[in-house]
Amino acid sequence: MARPVVAIVDTGVGQHPWFDAPNQVVARGVMLDGAPIGTYDDREPDGDAEPGSTAEGTIGEYSGHGTFIAGVVHQVCPDAVILPVRVSGRTGEATEWDVARSLERLLDFHLRGVAGDAACAAVDVVILPFGYYPEEVDQDDYDGVLRGVLRDLREAGLLVVVSAGNDGSTRPVFPAAWAPSVRRVPGGTVVPEVPGDLVADYTPLLTVTASNPNGTLADFANDGPWVTAVRPGAKSLSTMPTTFDGPEVPTVRTADGMRESIDPDDFRGGFALWSGTSFAAPVLAGQLADALLDLRVNGRETSSRVAAAWDAVVAVGDLYQAVPAS
């Protein structure tokens, strides 16, 4: 029985007791033809600075982002293998070309794994926890490199899960807004027409926005007809690298040193609270991985990776079955 593989295209995954021996949840240092799959080596998730810090020694805004996402996936699907594909560092910034090139290499890694190459592995779910606003408002007809490789991944049977963004806006953000146009209703998602990009030959592009603990849409969460799912993403609890301890200090400390307020940038305990659609996306990704695992365990997985992925989507319940290709 093959464990589902979830690729996180982000900042890398730092050290945490959940991820390494004896369970080996995170596949570290995976190479393709002697080079990392992503832009950077994931074994150095913080580049040339101290772990998690900027040159000034402070914790970067996006430091630990990939680690936090990995922890969410692991909580939802503990049997998933997490594959870091590092495209950015502390700033969380990456070029469209770097992302597209890394995804092309991930596709190559996947196809070789499907073909039986022992140095590679089949990938089930890809998480893209980022986005950009295009210079041109209408990208419906845009068919650039990134959109093309996303189509190639989906044709190969990978489920691509994208975060919707955190601006509290309905303005389309990409690649999230390349998802099929839907109308969400309580209890599921209704596709009011037959979008050309929702067919049985490809897995659907899935865009996720964030809800509050009480189920309402978070005030920061982007939304629109291109958002196909809502998952918890406000005040999420997940993993942070146990190496992270920035220069800030507690604001209150007793004279004997026995009692103090929380050190705001000391994450050596391994956990933190964080809000964002980036952390709603791995909830859905973990559910999809768990659904695929259930199909495998019970012998119900089809020979077609695309069909099996669609079965997982239907089981999770956000989109109904694809229509046959025309």
Protein backbone atom coordinates (compact mmCIF):
# COMPACT_ATOMS: atom_id res chain seq x y z
CA MET A 1 0.00 0.00 0.00
CA ALA A 2 1.61 3.26 -1.19
CA ARG A 3 1.40 6.21 1.18
CA PRO A 4 0.03 9.35 -0.52
CA VAL A 5 2.66 11.94 -1.41
CA VAL A 6 1.88 15.64 -0.87
CA ALA A 7 4.28 18.17 -2.40
CA ILE A 8 4.48 21.59 -0.72
CA VAL A 9 5.84 24.23 -3.11
CA ASP A 10 6.99 26.86 -0.65
CA THR A 11 9.82 27.80 1.76
CA GLY A 12 10.95 24.31 2.70
CA VAL A 13 10.22 22.33 5.87
CA GLY A 14 12.28 22.92 9.01
CA GLN A 15 13.18 20.62 11.85
CA HIS A 16 10.40 19.24 14.04
CA PRO A 17 9.96 15.98 15.99
CA TRP A 18 6.83 15.11 14.01
CA PHE A 19 8.64 14.92 10.69
CA ASP A 20 11.73 12.77 10.95
CA ALA A 21 12.68 9.37 12.45
CA PRO A 22 11.10 6.99 13.17
CA ASN A 23 8.18 7.84 10.86
CA GLN A 24 10.07 9.82 8.21
CA VAL A 25 7.08 11.98 7.35
CA VAL A 26 9.15 14.50 5.34
CA ALA A 27 11.21 13.31 2.37
CA ARG A 28 14.26 15.55 2.70
CA GLY A 29 17.01 16.14 0.18
CA VAL A 30 15.17 14.55 -2.74
CA MET A 31 17.08 15.11 -5.96
CA LEU A 32 16.31 14.81 -9.64
CA ASP A 33 19.37 14.19 -11.82
CA GLY A 34 21.62 15.41 -9.02
CA ALA A 35 19.82 18.71 -8.40
CA PRO A 36 16.93 19.79 -6.13
CA ILE A 37 13.43 19.60 -7.57
CA GLY A 38 12.80 23.19 -6.49
CA THR A 39 14.88 26.33 -6.91
CA TYR A 40 16.74 25.68 -3.65
CA ASP A 41 17.93 22.70 -1.66
CA ASP A 42 15.19 21.99 0.88
CA ARG A 43 17.79 20.83 3.41
CA GLU A 44 18.73 24.50 3.86
CA PRO A 45 15.29 26.05 4.30
CA ASP A 46 16.68 29.39 5.42
CA GLY A 47 19.52 30.01 3.04
CA ASP A 48 22.64 31.80 4.12
CA ALA A 49 21.31 33.33 7.36
CA GLU A 50 20.75 31.83 10.77
CA PRO A 51 17.74 29.47 10.82
CA GLY A 52 14.58 31.49 10.30
CA SER A 53 16.26 34.88 10.52
CA THR A 54 17.01 37.84 8.31
CA ALA A 55 20.44 39.40 8.08
CA GLU A 56 19.46 41.55 11.08
CA GLY A 57 18.65 38.46 13.14
CA THR A 58 14.87 38.88 13.17
CA ILE A 59 12.44 36.14 12.17
CA GLY A 60 11.33 36.72 8.58
CA GLU A 61 7.64 37.23 7.84
CA TYR A 62 7.37 33.95 5.94
CA SER A 63 9.96 31.96 7.87
CA GLY A 64 8.44 28.66 8.88
CA HIS A 65 5.60 28.99 6.34
CA GLY A 66 6.27 25.63 4.70
CA THR A 67 6.81 23.96 8.07
CA PHE A 68 3.45 25.24 9.30
CA ILE A 69 1.70 23.94 6.16
CA ALA A 70 3.41 20.56 6.54
CA GLY A 71 2.07 20.30 10.08
CA VAL A 72 -1.49 20.94 8.89
CA VAL A 73 -1.20 18.20 6.26
CA HIS A 74 0.20 15.81 8.86
CA GLN A 75 -2.65 16.50 11.29
CA VAL A 76 -5.26 15.78 8.62
CA CYS A 77 -3.49 12.80 6.99
CA PRO A 78 -0.80 11.38 9.31
CA ASP A 79 0.15 8.71 6.75
CA ALA A 80 1.00 11.21 4.01
CA VAL A 81 4.60 11.60 2.89
CA ILE A 82 5.46 15.31 2.59
CA LEU A 83 7.75 16.34 -0.26
CA PRO A 84 9.19 19.86 0.13
CA VAL A 85 9.75 21.70 -3.15
CA ARG A 86 11.53 24.84 -2.06
CA VAL A 87 11.02 27.82 -4.35
CA SER A 88 11.53 30.65 -1.84
CA GLY A 89 13.18 31.55 1.43
CA ARG A 90 12.47 33.86 4.35
CA THR A 91 10.74 36.51 2.23
CA GLY A 92 8.26 34.08 0.71
CA GLU A 93 8.99 35.56 -2.73
CA ALA A 94 9.53 33.55 -5.89
CA THR A 95 9.40 34.39 -9.57
CA GLU A 96 6.77 32.88 -11.86
CA TRP A 97 9.61 31.31 -13.85
CA ASP A 98 11.13 29.65 -10.77
CA VAL A 99 7.75 28.25 -9.77
CA ALA A 100 6.98 27.01 -13.29
CA ARG A 101 10.42 25.45 -13.69
CA SER A 102 10.18 23.73 -10.30
CA LEU A 103 6.75 22.36 -11.19
CA GLU A 104 8.11 21.05 -14.50
CA ARG A 105 10.80 19.19 -12.56
CA LEU A 106 8.19 17.92 -10.09
CA LEU A 107 6.17 16.57 -13.03
CA ASP A 108 9.28 14.82 -14.38
CA PHE A 109 9.93 13.34 -10.91
CA HIS A 110 6.32 12.11 -10.78
CA LEU A 111 6.29 10.59 -14.27
CA ARG A 112 9.53 8.74 -13.60
CA GLY A 113 8.08 7.45 -10.34
CA VAL A 114 4.96 6.20 -12.09
CA ALA A 115 7.19 4.48 -14.64
CA GLY A 116 9.01 2.61 -11.87
CA ASP A 117 12.18 4.66 -11.36
CA ALA A 118 13.23 3.81 -7.80
CA ALA A 119 14.90 7.22 -7.36
CA CYS A 120 11.60 9.01 -7.95
CA ALA A 121 8.01 8.67 -6.74
CA ALA A 122 4.47 9.29 -7.89
CA VAL A 123 3.02 12.48 -6.40
CA ASP A 124 -0.66 12.74 -5.46
CA VAL A 125 -1.31 16.30 -4.31
CA VAL A 126 0.51 19.61 -4.86
CA ILE A 127 -0.02 22.64 -2.61
CA LEU A 128 0.62 26.13 -4.01
CA PRO A 129 0.22 28.51 -1.02
CA PHE A 130 0.88 31.76 -2.90
CA GLY A 131 -0.39 33.94 -5.72
CA TYR A 132 -0.01 37.18 -7.62
CA TYR A 133 -2.17 39.90 -9.13
CA PRO A 134 -1.48 40.18 -12.86
CA GLU A 135 -0.57 43.41 -14.62
CA GLU A 136 -3.46 42.78 -17.00
CA VAL A 137 -6.82 42.31 -15.32
CA ASP A 138 -8.21 39.64 -17.67
CA GLN A 139 -6.12 36.47 -17.81
CA ASP A 140 -8.89 34.15 -18.98
CA ASP A 141 -7.15 33.66 -22.31
CA TYR A 142 -3.62 33.71 -20.90
CA ASP A 143 -1.85 30.46 -21.64
CA GLY A 144 1.65 31.09 -20.32
CA VAL A 145 4.24 28.70 -18.94
CA LEU A 146 2.78 28.45 -15.43
CA ARG A 147 -0.76 27.72 -16.57
CA GLY A 148 0.57 25.21 -19.05
CA VAL A 149 2.57 23.23 -16.50
CA LEU A 150 -0.40 23.24 -14.12
CA ARG A 151 -2.44 21.67 -16.92
CA ASP A 152 0.32 19.09 -17.49
CA LEU A 153 0.38 18.20 -13.79
CA ARG A 154 -3.37 17.73 -13.75
CA GLU A 155 -3.34 15.64 -16.93
CA ALA A 156 -0.81 13.39 -15.17
CA GLY A 157 -3.29 12.83 -12.31
CA LEU A 158 -1.96 15.23 -9.67
CA LEU A 159 -4.43 17.23 -7.62
CA VAL A 160 -3.36 20.89 -7.46
CA VAL A 161 -4.59 22.87 -4.43
CA VAL A 162 -4.08 26.65 -4.42
CA SER A 163 -4.67 29.23 -1.68
CA ALA A 164 -7.01 32.12 -2.53
CA GLY A 165 -5.07 34.99 -0.93
CA ASN A 166 -5.43 37.16 2.15
CA ASP A 167 -6.58 40.61 0.97
CA GLY A 168 -10.29 40.26 1.78
CA SER A 169 -10.93 40.89 -1.90
CA THR A 170 -12.86 39.46 -4.83
CA ARG A 171 -10.20 40.59 -7.28
CA PRO A 172 -8.87 37.53 -9.17
CA VAL A 173 -5.48 36.35 -7.96
CA PHE A 174 -3.50 33.78 -9.91
CA PRO A 175 -3.03 30.84 -10.19
CA ALA A 176 -6.09 30.54 -7.91
CA ALA A 177 -8.42 32.29 -10.37
CA TRP A 178 -7.71 29.70 -13.07
CA ALA A 179 -9.96 27.32 -11.11
CA PRO A 180 -13.39 26.55 -12.60
CA SER A 181 -16.15 29.06 -11.96
CA VAL A 182 -18.59 27.72 -9.35
CA ARG A 183 -21.43 28.78 -7.10
CA ARG A 184 -21.00 27.48 -3.56
CA VAL A 185 -24.08 26.50 -1.58
CA PRO A 186 -24.47 24.96 1.89
CA GLY A 187 -23.62 21.28 1.77
CA GLY A 188 -21.50 21.35 -1.38
CA THR A 189 -20.51 23.17 -4.53
CA VAL A 190 -22.72 23.61 -7.56
CA VAL A 191 -21.20 24.12 -10.99
CA PRO A 192 -23.86 26.24 -12.73
CA GLU A 193 -22.51 25.64 -16.25
CA VAL A 194 -20.04 23.34 -17.93
CA PRO A 195 -16.66 25.08 -17.61
CA GLY A 196 -14.20 24.02 -20.28
CA ASP A 197 -11.56 23.29 -17.68
CA LEU A 198 -13.66 20.82 -15.67
CA VAL A 199 -13.47 17.63 -17.69
CA ALA A 200 -12.66 14.02 -16.97
CA ASP A 201 -9.32 14.19 -18.79
CA TYR A 202 -7.82 16.46 -16.14
CA THR A 203 -8.02 16.75 -12.39
CA PRO A 204 -9.65 20.02 -11.32
CA LEU A 205 -7.65 22.99 -10.12
CA LEU A 206 -8.89 23.52 -6.55
CA THR A 207 -8.80 26.97 -4.92
CA VAL A 208 -9.32 27.21 -1.16
CA THR A 209 -10.25 30.19 1.00
CA ALA A 210 -10.33 30.37 4.79
CA SER A 211 -13.06 30.20 7.39
CA ASN A 212 -13.12 31.17 11.05
CA PRO A 213 -13.50 28.52 13.76
CA ASN A 214 -17.27 29.18 13.78
CA GLY A 215 -17.55 28.52 10.06
CA THR A 216 -17.95 32.09 8.82
CA LEU A 217 -15.66 33.40 6.11
CA ALA A 218 -12.55 35.00 7.59
CA ASP A 219 -12.37 38.75 7.12
CA PHE A 220 -8.98 38.51 5.37
CA ALA A 221 -10.00 35.69 3.01
CA ASN A 222 -10.29 36.37 -0.72
CA ASP A 223 -13.42 35.04 -2.36
CA GLY A 224 -15.02 34.82 -5.77
CA PRO A 225 -16.59 32.39 -8.24
CA TRP A 226 -13.10 30.89 -8.74
CA VAL A 227 -12.97 29.71 -5.11
CA THR A 228 -14.00 26.05 -5.09
CA ALA A 229 -13.68 25.23 -1.38
CA VAL A 230 -13.65 26.73 2.11
CA ARG A 231 -11.60 25.26 4.94
CA PRO A 232 -10.53 26.44 8.43
CA GLY A 233 -7.63 28.88 8.21
CA ALA A 234 -8.00 31.44 11.00
CA LYS A 235 -5.91 30.96 14.15
CA SER A 236 -4.71 27.58 12.93
CA LEU A 237 -2.41 25.63 15.22
CA SER A 238 0.51 23.88 13.57
CA THR A 239 4.22 23.17 13.56
CA MET A 240 7.14 25.62 13.50
CA PRO A 241 10.85 24.80 13.26
CA THR A 242 12.23 24.07 16.72
CA THR A 243 15.37 26.00 15.70
CA PHE A 244 13.54 29.34 15.59
CA ASP A 245 14.34 31.80 18.40
CA GLY A 246 14.50 35.45 17.38
CA PRO A 247 15.94 38.45 19.26
CA GLU A 248 12.70 39.63 20.88
CA VAL A 249 12.28 39.02 24.59
CA PRO A 250 9.29 38.70 26.94
CA THR A 251 7.81 42.04 27.94
CA VAL A 252 7.25 40.90 31.53
CA ARG A 253 9.63 38.84 33.69
CA THR A 254 9.75 38.42 37.46
CA ALA A 255 12.96 39.23 39.31
CA ASP A 256 13.62 35.58 40.09
CA GLY A 257 13.21 34.63 36.41
CA MET A 258 10.61 31.98 37.23
CA ARG A 259 7.67 33.68 35.51
CA GLU A 260 7.43 35.70 32.31
CA SER A 261 5.14 36.62 29.44
CA ILE A 262 5.34 34.79 26.12
CA ASP A 263 8.46 35.37 24.05
CA PRO A 264 6.80 36.39 20.74
CA ASP A 265 9.48 34.96 18.44
CA ASP A 266 10.66 31.90 20.36
CA PHE A 267 9.28 28.85 18.55
CA ARG A 268 11.51 26.22 20.12
CA GLY A 269 8.39 24.58 21.54
CA GLY A 270 7.56 23.66 17.97
CA PHE A 271 4.08 25.16 17.58
CA ALA A 272 2.35 28.44 16.76
CA LEU A 273 -0.96 30.00 15.79
CA TRP A 274 -1.17 31.53 12.31
CA SER A 275 -3.98 32.72 10.04
CA GLY A 276 -4.22 32.67 6.25
CA THR A 277 -5.68 30.92 3.25
CA SER A 278 -2.24 29.29 2.97
CA PHE A 279 -3.26 27.19 5.96
CA ALA A 280 -6.75 26.40 4.67
CA ALA A 281 -5.28 24.84 1.49
CA PRO A 282 -3.40 22.05 3.31
CA VAL A 283 -6.58 21.07 5.15
CA LEU A 284 -8.17 20.20 1.80
CA ALA A 285 -4.91 18.69 0.53
CA GLY A 286 -4.75 16.42 3.58
CA GLN A 287 -8.37 15.36 3.09
CA LEU A 288 -7.70 14.50 -0.54
CA ALA A 289 -4.60 12.50 0.44
CA ASP A 290 -6.64 10.67 3.07
CA ALA A 291 -9.38 9.91 0.52
CA LEU A 292 -6.81 8.50 -1.92
CA LEU A 293 -5.32 6.38 0.86
CA ASP A 294 -8.77 5.02 1.69
CA LEU A 295 -9.28 4.05 -1.97
CA ARG A 296 -5.96 2.19 -1.94
CA VAL A 297 -6.49 0.45 1.36
CA ASN A 298 -9.91 -0.80 0.28
CA GLY A 299 -8.84 -1.80 -3.22
CA ARG A 300 -11.09 0.76 -4.90
CA GLU A 301 -8.43 2.81 -6.67
CA THR A 302 -8.78 2.76 -10.45
CA SER A 303 -5.91 2.15 -12.84
CA SER A 304 -6.19 5.73 -14.12
CA ARG A 305 -4.54 8.27 -11.80
CA VAL A 306 -6.85 11.02 -13.10
CA ALA A 307 -9.96 8.93 -12.40
CA ALA A 308 -8.70 8.02 -8.92
CA ALA A 309 -8.02 11.70 -8.19
CA TRP A 310 -11.54 12.59 -9.30
CA ASP A 311 -12.90 9.87 -7.01
CA ALA A 312 -11.05 11.53 -4.12
CA VAL A 313 -12.44 14.95 -5.05
CA VAL A 314 -15.98 13.59 -5.12
CA ALA A 315 -15.43 11.78 -1.81
CA VAL A 316 -14.29 15.00 -0.15
CA GLY A 317 -17.38 16.69 -1.50
CA ASP A 318 -16.49 20.08 -2.98
CA LEU A 319 -16.97 19.41 -6.69
CA TYR A 320 -19.19 16.93 -8.43
CA GLN A 321 -17.87 14.54 -11.08
CA ALA A 322 -16.30 15.94 -14.24
CA VAL A 323 -18.08 15.85 -17.55
CA PRO A 324 -16.59 13.76 -20.38
CA ALA A 325 -14.17 15.61 -22.63
CA SER A 326 -15.71 16.92 -25.84
